[in-house]
PDB file of N, CA and C in Angstrom:
ATOM      1  N   MET A   1      75.389 178.782 212.223  1.00  0.00           N
ATOM      2  CA  MET A   1      74.747 179.939 213.023  1.00  0.00           C
ATOM      3  C   MET A   1      73.368 179.996 212.566  1.00  0.00           C
ATOM      4  N   PRO A   2      72.482 180.241 213.524  1.00  0.00           N
ATOM      5  CA  PRO A   2      71.037 180.408 213.240  1.00  0.00           C
ATOM      6  C   PRO A   2      70.748 181.597 212.346  1.00  0.00           C
ATOM      7  N   GLN A   3      69.668 181.512 211.630  1.00  0.00           N
ATOM      8  CA  GLN A   3      69.207 182.653 210.780  1.00  0.00           C
ATOM      9  C   GLN A   3      68.619 183.761 211.636  1.00  0.00           C
ATOM     10  N   ARG A   4      68.901 184.967 211.282  1.00  0.00           N
ATOM     11  CA  ARG A   4      68.336 186.120 212.138  1.00  0.00           C
ATOM     12  C   ARG A   4      66.851 186.303 211.797  1.00  0.00           C
ATOM     13  N   ARG A   5      66.071 186.659 212.717  1.00  0.00           N
ATOM     14  CA  ARG A   5      64.698 187.083 212.584  1.00  0.00           C
ATOM     15  C   ARG A   5      64.652 188.622 212.272  1.00  0.00           C
ATOM     16  N   ARG A   6      63.654 189.198 211.873  1.00  0.00           N
ATOM     17  CA  ARG A   6      63.455 190.551 211.581  1.00  0.00           C
ATOM     18  C   ARG A   6      63.634 191.280 212.891  1.00  0.00           C
ATOM     19  N   SER A   7      63.231 190.893 214.002  1.00  0.00           N
ATOM     20  CA  SER A   7      63.241 191.464 215.284  1.00  0.00           C
ATOM     21  C   SER A   7      64.646 191.665 215.857  1.00  0.00           C
ATOM     22  N   GLY A   8      65.667 191.150 215.216  1.00  0.00           N
ATOM     23  CA  GLY A   8      66.989 191.149 215.652  1.00  0.00           C
ATOM     24  C   GLY A   8      67.479 189.898 216.384  1.00  0.00           C
ATOM     25  N   GLY A   9      66.538 189.082 216.873  1.00  0.00           N
ATOM     26  CA  GLY A   9      67.046 187.814 217.638  1.00  0.00           C
ATOM     27  C   GLY A   9      67.158 186.798 216.559  1.00  0.00           C
ATOM     28  N   THR A  10      67.405 185.550 216.918  1.00  0.00           N
ATOM     29  CA  THR A  10      67.542 184.413 216.080  1.00  0.00           C
ATOM     30  C   THR A  10      66.349 183.542 216.169  1.00  0.00           C
ATOM     31  N   ALA A  11      66.194 182.604 215.354  1.00  0.00           N
ATOM     32  CA  ALA A  11      64.979 181.565 215.460  1.00  0.00           C
ATOM     33  C   ALA A  11      65.338 180.673 216.643  1.00  0.00           C
ATOM     34  N   ASN A  12      66.517 180.690 217.239  1.00  0.00           N
ATOM     35  CA  ASN A  12      66.861 179.762 218.411  1.00  0.00           C
ATOM     36  C   ASN A  12      67.177 180.666 219.569  1.00  0.00           C
ATOM     37  N   VAL A  13      66.280 180.551 220.601  1.00  0.00           N
ATOM     38  CA  VAL A  13      66.401 181.220 221.851  1.00  0.00           C
ATOM     39  C   VAL A  13      67.630 180.813 222.575  1.00  0.00           C
ATOM     40  N   LEU A  14      68.041 179.575 222.427  1.00  0.00           N
ATOM     41  CA  LEU A  14      69.198 179.133 223.141  1.00  0.00           C
ATOM     42  C   LEU A  14      70.474 179.789 222.691  1.00  0.00           C
ATOM     43  N   PHE A  15      70.536 180.161 221.389  1.00  0.00           N
ATOM     44  CA  PHE A  15      71.600 180.841 220.831  1.00  0.00           C
ATOM     45  C   PHE A  15      71.534 182.215 221.430  1.00  0.00           C
ATOM     46  N   ASP A  16      70.401 182.902 221.306  1.00  0.00           N
ATOM     47  CA  ASP A  16      70.309 184.165 221.865  1.00  0.00           C
ATOM     48  C   ASP A  16      70.786 184.295 223.363  1.00  0.00           C
ATOM     49  N   LEU A  17      70.465 183.205 224.192  1.00  0.00           N
ATOM     50  CA  LEU A  17      70.865 183.120 225.494  1.00  0.00           C
ATOM     51  C   LEU A  17      72.405 182.923 225.735  1.00  0.00           C
ATOM     52  N   GLY A  18      73.083 182.590 224.590  1.00  0.00           N
ATOM     53  CA  GLY A  18      74.672 182.476 224.800  1.00  0.00           C
ATOM     54  C   GLY A  18      75.110 181.076 224.939  1.00  0.00           C
ATOM     55  N   PHE A  19      74.179 180.036 224.731  1.00  0.00           N
ATOM     56  CA  PHE A  19      74.696 178.604 224.821  1.00  0.00           C
ATOM     57  C   PHE A  19      75.468 178.263 223.637  1.00  0.00           C
ATOM     58  N   ALA A  20      76.882 177.883 223.927  1.00  0.00           N
ATOM     59  CA  ALA A  20      77.680 177.480 222.929  1.00  0.00           C
ATOM     60  C   ALA A  20      77.311 176.383 222.138  1.00  0.00           C
ATOM     61  N   ASP A  21      76.483 175.498 222.711  1.00  0.00           N
ATOM     62  CA  ASP A  21      76.029 174.245 221.934  1.00  0.00           C
ATOM     63  C   ASP A  21      74.481 174.419 221.645  1.00  0.00           C
ATOM     64  N   ALA A  22      74.081 175.606 221.263  1.00  0.00           N
ATOM     65  CA  ALA A  22      72.567 176.003 221.128  1.00  0.00           C
ATOM     66  C   ALA A  22      72.088 175.136 220.008  1.00  0.00           C
ATOM     67  N   GLY A  23      72.704 174.817 218.923  1.00  0.00           N
ATOM     68  CA  GLY A  23      72.068 174.061 217.841  1.00  0.00           C
ATOM     69  C   GLY A  23      71.798 172.602 218.233  1.00  0.00           C
ATOM     70  N   GLU A  24      72.807 172.008 218.897  1.00  0.00           N
ATOM     71  CA  GLU A  24      72.581 170.779 219.350  1.00  0.00           C
ATOM     72  C   GLU A  24      71.593 170.531 220.458  1.00  0.00           C
ATOM     73  N   LEU A  25      71.604 171.487 221.352  1.00  0.00           N
ATOM     74  CA  LEU A  25      70.596 171.555 222.446  1.00  0.00           C
ATOM     75  C   LEU A  25      69.212 171.758 221.996  1.00  0.00           C
ATOM     76  N   TYR A  26      69.093 172.562 220.845  1.00  0.00           N
ATOM     77  CA  TYR A  26      67.751 172.757 220.278  1.00  0.00           C
ATOM     78  C   TYR A  26      67.256 171.464 219.637  1.00  0.00           C
ATOM     79  N   ALA A  27      68.181 170.780 218.967  1.00  0.00           N
ATOM     80  CA  ALA A  27      67.731 169.515 218.244  1.00  0.00           C
ATOM     81  C   ALA A  27      67.429 168.454 219.265  1.00  0.00           C
ATOM     82  N   LYS A  28      68.136 168.434 220.381  1.00  0.00           N
ATOM     83  CA  LYS A  28      67.777 167.360 221.476  1.00  0.00           C
ATOM     84  C   LYS A  28      66.389 167.874 222.121  1.00  0.00           C
ATOM     85  N   THR A  29      66.223 169.067 222.275  1.00  0.00           N
ATOM     86  CA  THR A  29      64.853 169.527 222.854  1.00  0.00           C
ATOM     87  C   THR A  29      63.764 169.157 222.004  1.00  0.00           C
ATOM     88  N   VAL A  30      63.870 169.339 220.705  1.00  0.00           N
ATOM     89  CA  VAL A  30      62.722 168.887 219.768  1.00  0.00           C
ATOM     90  C   VAL A  30      62.468 167.428 219.927  1.00  0.00           C
ATOM     91  N   LEU A  31      63.584 166.600 219.863  1.00  0.00           N
ATOM     92  CA  LEU A  31      63.341 165.144 219.957  1.00  0.00           C
ATOM     93  C   LEU A  31      62.897 164.733 221.256  1.00  0.00           C
ATOM     94  N   ALA A  32      63.292 165.332 222.321  1.00  0.00           N
ATOM     95  CA  ALA A  32      62.714 165.110 223.669  1.00  0.00           C
ATOM     96  C   ALA A  32      61.241 165.357 223.836  1.00  0.00           C
ATOM     97  N   MET A  33      60.838 166.541 223.145  1.00  0.00           N
ATOM     98  CA  MET A  33      59.516 166.946 223.030  1.00  0.00           C
ATOM     99  C   MET A  33      58.617 165.895 222.607  1.00  0.00           C
ATOM    100  N   LYS A  34      59.036 165.333 221.317  1.00  0.00           N
ATOM    101  CA  LYS A  34      58.381 164.279 220.734  1.00  0.00           C
ATOM    102  C   LYS A  34      58.349 163.031 221.616  1.00  0.00           C
ATOM    103  N   LEU A  35      59.433 162.601 222.051  1.00  0.00           N
ATOM    104  CA  LEU A  35      59.448 161.449 222.963  1.00  0.00           C
ATOM    105  C   LEU A  35      58.659 161.568 224.120  1.00  0.00           C
ATOM    106  N   ASN A  36      58.621 162.668 224.801  1.00  0.00           N
ATOM    107  CA  ASN A  36      57.798 162.786 225.960  1.00  0.00           C
ATOM    108  C   ASN A  36      56.244 162.934 225.533  1.00  0.00           C
ATOM    109  N   ALA A  37      56.061 163.397 224.345  1.00  0.00           N
ATOM    110  CA  ALA A  37      54.494 163.444 223.984  1.00  0.00           C
ATOM    111  C   ALA A  37      54.073 162.010 223.696  1.00  0.00           C
ATOM    112  N   ILE A  38      54.888 161.097 223.248  1.00  0.00           N
ATOM    113  CA  ILE A  38      54.475 159.734 222.929  1.00  0.00           C
ATOM    114  C   ILE A  38      54.384 158.976 224.233  1.00  0.00           C
ATOM    115  N   LEU A  39      55.248 159.224 225.209  1.00  0.00           N
ATOM    116  CA  LEU A  39      55.194 158.636 226.544  1.00  0.00           C
ATOM    117  C   LEU A  39      53.932 159.031 227.225  1.00  0.00           C
ATOM    118  N   ASP A  40      53.643 160.416 227.039  1.00  0.00           N
ATOM    119  CA  ASP A  40      52.285 160.874 227.649  1.00  0.00           C
ATOM    120  C   ASP A  40      51.032 160.203 227.166  1.00  0.00           C
ATOM    121  N   VAL A  41      51.011 160.079 225.717  1.00  0.00           N
ATOM    122  CA  VAL A  41      49.947 159.443 225.071  1.00  0.00           C
ATOM    123  C   VAL A  41      49.794 157.952 225.561  1.00  0.00           C
ATOM    124  N   ARG A  42      50.926 157.375 225.604  1.00  0.00           N
ATOM    125  CA  ARG A  42      50.811 155.932 226.026  1.00  0.00           C
ATOM    126  C   ARG A  42      50.790 155.763 227.619  1.00  0.00           C
ATOM    127  N   ALA A  43      50.747 156.867 228.252  1.00  0.00           N
ATOM    128  CA  ALA A  43      50.595 156.743 229.834  1.00  0.00           C
ATOM    129  C   ALA A  43      51.659 155.831 230.324  1.00  0.00           C
ATOM    130  N   MET A  44      52.956 155.886 229.882  1.00  0.00           N
ATOM    131  CA  MET A  44      53.934 155.043 230.242  1.00  0.00           C
ATOM    132  C   MET A  44      54.800 155.636 231.526  1.00  0.00           C
ATOM    133  N   SER A  45      54.949 154.930 232.557  1.00  0.00           N
ATOM    134  CA  SER A  45      55.729 155.329 233.585  1.00  0.00           C
ATOM    135  C   SER A  45      57.241 155.417 233.215  1.00  0.00           C
ATOM    136  N   GLN A  46      58.042 156.018 233.958  1.00  0.00           N
ATOM    137  CA  GLN A  46      59.502 156.142 233.612  1.00  0.00           C
ATOM    138  C   GLN A  46      60.042 154.652 233.705  1.00  0.00           C
ATOM    139  N   ALA A  47      59.614 153.865 234.605  1.00  0.00           N
ATOM    140  CA  ALA A  47      60.210 152.485 234.657  1.00  0.00           C
ATOM    141  C   ALA A  47      59.691 151.700 233.453  1.00  0.00           C
ATOM    142  N   GLN A  48      58.652 151.913 233.002  1.00  0.00           N
ATOM    143  CA  GLN A  48      58.034 151.103 231.771  1.00  0.00           C
ATOM    144  C   GLN A  48      58.915 151.585 230.584  1.00  0.00           C
ATOM    145  N   ALA A  49      59.034 152.975 230.492  1.00  0.00           N
ATOM    146  CA  ALA A  49      59.896 153.391 229.286  1.00  0.00           C
ATOM    147  C   ALA A  49      61.208 152.990 229.240  1.00  0.00           C
ATOM    148  N   ALA A  50      61.789 152.966 230.480  1.00  0.00           N
ATOM    149  CA  ALA A  50      63.260 152.486 230.734  1.00  0.00           C
ATOM    150  C   ALA A  50      63.302 151.117 230.169  1.00  0.00           C
ATOM    151  N   ALA A  51      62.408 150.268 230.574  1.00  0.00           N
ATOM    152  CA  ALA A  51      62.578 148.823 230.248  1.00  0.00           C
ATOM    153  C   ALA A  51      62.383 148.679 228.772  1.00  0.00           C
ATOM    154  N   LEU A  52      61.380 149.399 228.262  1.00  0.00           N
ATOM    155  CA  LEU A  52      61.093 149.230 226.763  1.00  0.00           C
ATOM    156  C   LEU A  52      62.289 149.708 225.862  1.00  0.00           C
ATOM    157  N   LEU A  53      62.867 150.817 226.331  1.00  0.00           N
ATOM    158  CA  LEU A  53      63.936 151.493 225.622  1.00  0.00           C
ATOM    159  C   LEU A  53      65.399 150.982 225.939  1.00  0.00           C
ATOM    160  N   GLY A  54      65.446 150.279 226.862  1.00  0.00           N
ATOM    161  CA  GLY A  54      66.814 149.692 227.344  1.00  0.00           C
ATOM    162  C   GLY A  54      67.650 150.856 227.848  1.00  0.00           C
ATOM    163  N   MET A  55      67.082 151.671 228.584  1.00  0.00           N
ATOM    164  CA  MET A  55      67.779 152.843 229.245  1.00  0.00           C
ATOM    165  C   MET A  55      67.557 152.727 230.793  1.00  0.00           C
ATOM    166  N   PRO A  56      68.536 153.302 231.448  1.00  0.00           N
ATOM    167  CA  PRO A  56      68.345 153.412 232.899  1.00  0.00           C
ATOM    168  C   PRO A  56      67.264 154.413 233.204  1.00  0.00           C
ATOM    169  N   GLN A  57      66.369 154.222 234.208  1.00  0.00           N
ATOM    170  CA  GLN A  57      65.362 154.940 234.563  1.00  0.00           C
ATOM    171  C   GLN A  57      65.788 156.472 234.761  1.00  0.00           C
ATOM    172  N   PRO A  58      66.966 156.705 235.397  1.00  0.00           N
ATOM    173  CA  PRO A  58      67.388 158.197 235.591  1.00  0.00           C
ATOM    174  C   PRO A  58      67.664 158.885 234.226  1.00  0.00           C
ATOM    175  N   LYS A  59      67.978 158.164 233.141  1.00  0.00           N
ATOM    176  CA  LYS A  59      67.992 158.790 231.842  1.00  0.00           C
ATOM    177  C   LYS A  59      66.701 159.203 231.389  1.00  0.00           C
ATOM    178  N   ILE A  60      65.638 158.337 231.487  1.00  0.00           N
ATOM    179  CA  ILE A  60      64.352 158.684 231.212  1.00  0.00           C
ATOM    180  C   ILE A  60      63.872 159.884 232.011  1.00  0.00           C
ATOM    181  N   SER A  61      64.094 159.922 233.365  1.00  0.00           N
ATOM    182  CA  SER A  61      63.716 161.018 234.135  1.00  0.00           C
ATOM    183  C   SER A  61      64.362 162.317 233.682  1.00  0.00           C
ATOM    184  N   ALA A  62      65.701 162.246 233.222  1.00  0.00           N
ATOM    185  CA  ALA A  62      66.357 163.441 232.681  1.00  0.00           C
ATOM    186  C   ALA A  62      65.680 163.999 231.304  1.00  0.00           C
ATOM    187  N   ILE A  63      65.268 163.009 230.543  1.00  0.00           N
ATOM    188  CA  ILE A  63      64.526 163.364 229.261  1.00  0.00           C
ATOM    189  C   ILE A  63      63.176 164.004 229.632  1.00  0.00           C
ATOM    190  N   ARG A  64      62.444 163.332 230.549  1.00  0.00           N
ATOM    191  CA  ARG A  64      61.169 163.869 230.950  1.00  0.00           C
ATOM    192  C   ARG A  64      61.244 165.315 231.500  1.00  0.00           C
ATOM    193  N   ASN A  65      62.308 165.699 232.075  1.00  0.00           N
ATOM    194  CA  ASN A  65      62.550 167.018 232.712  1.00  0.00           C
ATOM    195  C   ASN A  65      63.416 167.959 231.777  1.00  0.00           C
ATOM    196  N   TYR A  66      63.791 167.425 230.592  1.00  0.00           N
ATOM    197  CA  TYR A  66      64.512 168.186 229.663  1.00  0.00           C
ATOM    198  C   TYR A  66      65.822 168.625 230.199  1.00  0.00           C
ATOM    199  N   LYS A  67      66.464 167.694 230.978  1.00  0.00           N
ATOM    200  CA  LYS A  67      67.842 167.867 231.379  1.00  0.00           C
ATOM    201  C   LYS A  67      68.723 167.070 230.453  1.00  0.00           C
ATOM    202  N   LEU A  68      68.952 167.680 229.332  1.00  0.00           N
ATOM    203  CA  LEU A  68      69.579 166.888 228.225  1.00  0.00           C
ATOM    204  C   LEU A  68      71.055 167.002 227.832  1.00  0.00           C
ATOM    205  N   GLN A  69      71.799 167.649 228.828  1.00  0.00           N
ATOM    206  CA  GLN A  69      73.225 167.814 228.680  1.00  0.00           C
ATOM    207  C   GLN A  69      73.907 166.449 228.597  1.00  0.00           C
ATOM    208  N   GLY A  70      73.527 165.421 229.292  1.00  0.00           N
ATOM    209  CA  GLY A  70      74.303 164.222 229.282  1.00  0.00           C
ATOM    210  C   GLY A  70      73.606 163.184 228.429  1.00  0.00           C
ATOM    211  N   ILE A  71      72.848 163.605 227.487  1.00  0.00           N
ATOM    212  CA  ILE A  71      72.029 162.641 226.626  1.00  0.00           C
ATOM    213  C   ILE A  71      72.464 162.974 225.206  1.00  0.00           C
ATOM    214  N   SER A  72      72.833 162.042 224.307  1.00  0.00           N
ATOM    215  CA  SER A  72      73.146 162.207 223.040  1.00  0.00           C
ATOM    216  C   SER A  72      71.976 162.408 222.061  1.00  0.00           C
ATOM    217  N   LEU A  73      72.159 162.991 220.977  1.00  0.00           N
ATOM    218  CA  LEU A  73      71.204 163.016 219.868  1.00  0.00           C
ATOM    219  C   LEU A  73      70.939 161.598 219.393  1.00  0.00           C
ATOM    220  N   GLU A  74      72.060 160.737 219.295  1.00  0.00           N
ATOM    221  CA  GLU A  74      71.852 159.371 218.921  1.00  0.00           C
ATOM    222  C   GLU A  74      70.992 158.611 219.860  1.00  0.00           C
ATOM    223  N   ARG A  75      71.113 158.741 221.084  1.00  0.00           N
ATOM    224  CA  ARG A  75      70.336 158.039 222.011  1.00  0.00           C
ATOM    225  C   ARG A  75      68.808 158.396 222.032  1.00  0.00           C
ATOM    226  N   LEU A  76      68.544 159.776 221.823  1.00  0.00           N
ATOM    227  CA  LEU A  76      67.278 160.249 221.638  1.00  0.00           C
ATOM    228  C   LEU A  76      66.555 159.658 220.438  1.00  0.00           C
ATOM    229  N   MET A  77      67.328 159.655 219.249  1.00  0.00           N
ATOM    230  CA  MET A  77      66.826 159.076 218.007  1.00  0.00           C
ATOM    231  C   MET A  77      66.551 157.514 218.189  1.00  0.00           C
ATOM    232  N   HIS A  78      67.341 156.812 218.816  1.00  0.00           N
ATOM    233  CA  HIS A  78      67.134 155.528 219.049  1.00  0.00           C
ATOM    234  C   HIS A  78      65.927 155.240 219.911  1.00  0.00           C
ATOM    235  N   ALA A  79      65.815 156.017 220.986  1.00  0.00           N
ATOM    236  CA  ALA A  79      64.615 155.896 221.841  1.00  0.00           C
ATOM    237  C   ALA A  79      63.331 156.176 220.984  1.00  0.00           C
ATOM    238  N   LEU A  80      63.250 157.018 220.128  1.00  0.00           N
ATOM    239  CA  LEU A  80      62.213 157.331 219.228  1.00  0.00           C
ATOM    240  C   LEU A  80      61.914 156.070 218.317  1.00  0.00           C
ATOM    241  N   THR A  81      62.898 155.597 217.787  1.00  0.00           N
ATOM    242  CA  THR A  81      62.704 154.278 216.896  1.00  0.00           C
ATOM    243  C   THR A  81      62.163 153.163 217.811  1.00  0.00           C
ATOM    244  N   GLY A  82      62.644 153.149 219.038  1.00  0.00           N
ATOM    245  CA  GLY A  82      62.127 152.098 220.039  1.00  0.00           C
ATOM    246  C   GLY A  82      60.591 152.311 220.289  1.00  0.00           C
ATOM    247  N   LEU A  83      60.185 153.509 220.082  1.00  0.00           N
ATOM    248  CA  LEU A  83      58.718 153.778 220.282  1.00  0.00           C
ATOM    249  C   LEU A  83      57.967 153.734 218.976  1.00  0.00           C
ATOM    250  N   GLY A  84      58.554 153.304 217.958  1.00  0.00           N
ATOM    251  CA  GLY A  84      57.969 152.952 216.644  1.00  0.00           C
ATOM    252  C   GLY A  84      58.003 154.173 215.752  1.00  0.00           C
ATOM    253  N   GLN A  85      58.809 155.039 215.966  1.00  0.00           N
ATOM    254  CA  GLN A  85      58.907 156.309 215.121  1.00  0.00           C
ATOM    255  C   GLN A  85      59.942 156.058 214.024  1.00  0.00           C
ATOM    256  N   HIS A  86      59.766 156.607 212.934  1.00  0.00           N
ATOM    257  CA  HIS A  86      60.777 156.691 211.768  1.00  0.00           C
ATOM    258  C   HIS A  86      61.503 158.034 211.948  1.00  0.00           C
ATOM    259  N   VAL A  87      62.898 157.930 212.103  1.00  0.00           N
ATOM    260  CA  VAL A  87      63.674 159.107 212.201  1.00  0.00           C
ATOM    261  C   VAL A  87      64.490 159.212 210.922  1.00  0.00           C
ATOM    262  N   ARG A  88      64.384 160.417 210.189  1.00  0.00           N
ATOM    263  CA  ARG A  88      64.966 160.566 208.963  1.00  0.00           C
ATOM    264  C   ARG A  88      65.936 161.834 209.040  1.00  0.00           C
ATOM    265  N   ILE A  89      67.187 161.611 208.501  1.00  0.00           N
ATOM    266  CA  ILE A  89      68.169 162.695 208.465  1.00  0.00           C
ATOM    267  C   ILE A  89      68.387 163.031 207.018  1.00  0.00           C
ATOM    268  N   VAL A  90      68.163 164.180 206.586  1.00  0.00           N
ATOM    269  CA  VAL A  90      68.445 164.552 205.119  1.00  0.00           C
ATOM    270  C   VAL A  90      69.406 165.724 205.068  1.00  0.00           C
ATOM    271  N   VAL A  91      70.392 165.438 204.207  1.00  0.00           N
ATOM    272  CA  VAL A  91      71.483 166.572 204.201  1.00  0.00           C
ATOM    273  C   VAL A  91      71.269 166.945 202.599  1.00  0.00           C
ATOM    274  N   LYS A  92      71.206 168.288 202.328  1.00  0.00           N
ATOM    275  CA  LYS A  92      71.088 168.795 201.022  1.00  0.00           C
ATOM    276  C   LYS A  92      71.764 170.080 200.901  1.00  0.00           C
ATOM    277  N   PRO A  93      72.104 170.484 199.637  1.00  0.00           N
ATOM    278  CA  PRO A  93      72.834 171.739 199.529  1.00  0.00           C
ATOM    279  C   PRO A  93      71.918 172.988 199.973  1.00  0.00           C
ATOM    280  N   CYS A  94      72.643 173.891 200.392  1.00  0.00           N
ATOM    281  CA  CYS A  94      71.867 175.159 200.873  1.00  0.00           C
ATOM    282  C   CYS A  94      71.694 176.139 199.576  1.00  0.00           C
ATOM    283  N   LYS A  95      70.562 176.687 199.543  1.00  0.00           N
ATOM    284  CA  LYS A  95      70.361 177.782 198.475  1.00  0.00           C
ATOM    285  C   LYS A  95      71.327 178.905 198.510  1.00  0.00           C
ATOM    286  N   THR A  96      71.666 179.405 197.455  1.00  0.00           N
ATOM    287  CA  THR A  96      72.551 180.724 197.389  1.00  0.00           C
ATOM    288  C   THR A  96      71.952 181.721 198.251  1.00  0.00           C
ATOM    289  N   GLY A  97      72.865 182.308 198.983  1.00  0.00           N
ATOM    290  CA  GLY A  97      72.328 183.538 199.892  1.00  0.00           C
ATOM    291  C   GLY A  97      71.704 183.207 201.085  1.00  0.00           C
ATOM    292  N   VAL A  98      71.381 181.895 201.404  1.00  0.00           N
ATOM    293  CA  VAL A  98      70.835 181.335 202.552  1.00  0.00           C
ATOM    294  C   VAL A  98      71.894 180.765 203.528  1.00  0.00           C
ATOM    295  N   GLN A  99      71.836 181.147 204.869  1.00  0.00           N
ATOM    296  CA  GLN A  99      72.869 180.657 205.783  1.00  0.00           C
ATOM    297  C   GLN A  99      72.490 179.122 205.997  1.00  0.00           C
ATOM    298  N   PRO A 100      73.542 178.201 206.010  1.00  0.00           N
ATOM    299  CA  PRO A 100      73.477 176.928 206.305  1.00  0.00           C
ATOM    300  C   PRO A 100      73.055 176.591 207.694  1.00  0.00           C
ATOM    301  N   ARG A 101      72.218 175.673 207.839  1.00  0.00           N
ATOM    302  CA  ARG A 101      71.628 175.618 209.297  1.00  0.00           C
ATOM    303  C   ARG A 101      71.233 174.142 209.522  1.00  0.00           C
ATOM    304  N   ILE A 102      70.836 173.711 210.733  1.00  0.00           N
ATOM    305  CA  ILE A 102      70.434 172.476 211.160  1.00  0.00           C
ATOM    306  C   ILE A 102      68.988 172.724 211.607  1.00  0.00           C
ATOM    307  N   ASP A 103      67.921 171.952 210.920  1.00  0.00           N
ATOM    308  CA  ASP A 103      66.596 171.887 211.232  1.00  0.00           C
ATOM    309  C   ASP A 103      66.199 170.696 211.853  1.00  0.00           C
ATOM    310  N   VAL A 104      65.429 170.620 212.855  1.00  0.00           N
ATOM    311  CA  VAL A 104      64.811 169.426 213.402  1.00  0.00           C
ATOM    312  C   VAL A 104      63.403 169.528 213.576  1.00  0.00           C
ATOM    313  N   ALA A 105      62.688 168.634 212.950  1.00  0.00           N
ATOM    314  CA  ALA A 105      61.183 168.681 213.106  1.00  0.00           C
ATOM    315  C   ALA A 105      60.708 167.308 213.611  1.00  0.00           C
ATOM    316  N   ALA A 106      59.753 167.377 214.518  1.00  0.00           N
ATOM    317  CA  ALA A 106      59.109 166.179 215.123  1.00  0.00           C
ATOM    318  C   ALA A 106      57.712 166.277 215.141  1.00  0.00           C
TER     319      ALA A 106
END
């Protein structure tokens, strides 16, 4: 469960909106934002990105438009490595009194 902010909401607006998979959808969104930023900087078309990443063009279109329901976290991470990015997953104990959570930074 996301940590509470002082204002009464959470740090995850998707959770606040009632999405059952808010944590996963947030993680996908962060990864898609990074992927889209790289594609923008490289001025790659969806067809070029699809060929480079070994994905069908409609999947690239879905990522570009943040329609991430049918796209796995694993697929997004592999796409980022295909674009020369290092993806690191770190698991560590949570401090006493702190709610366990999933953080994604890109």
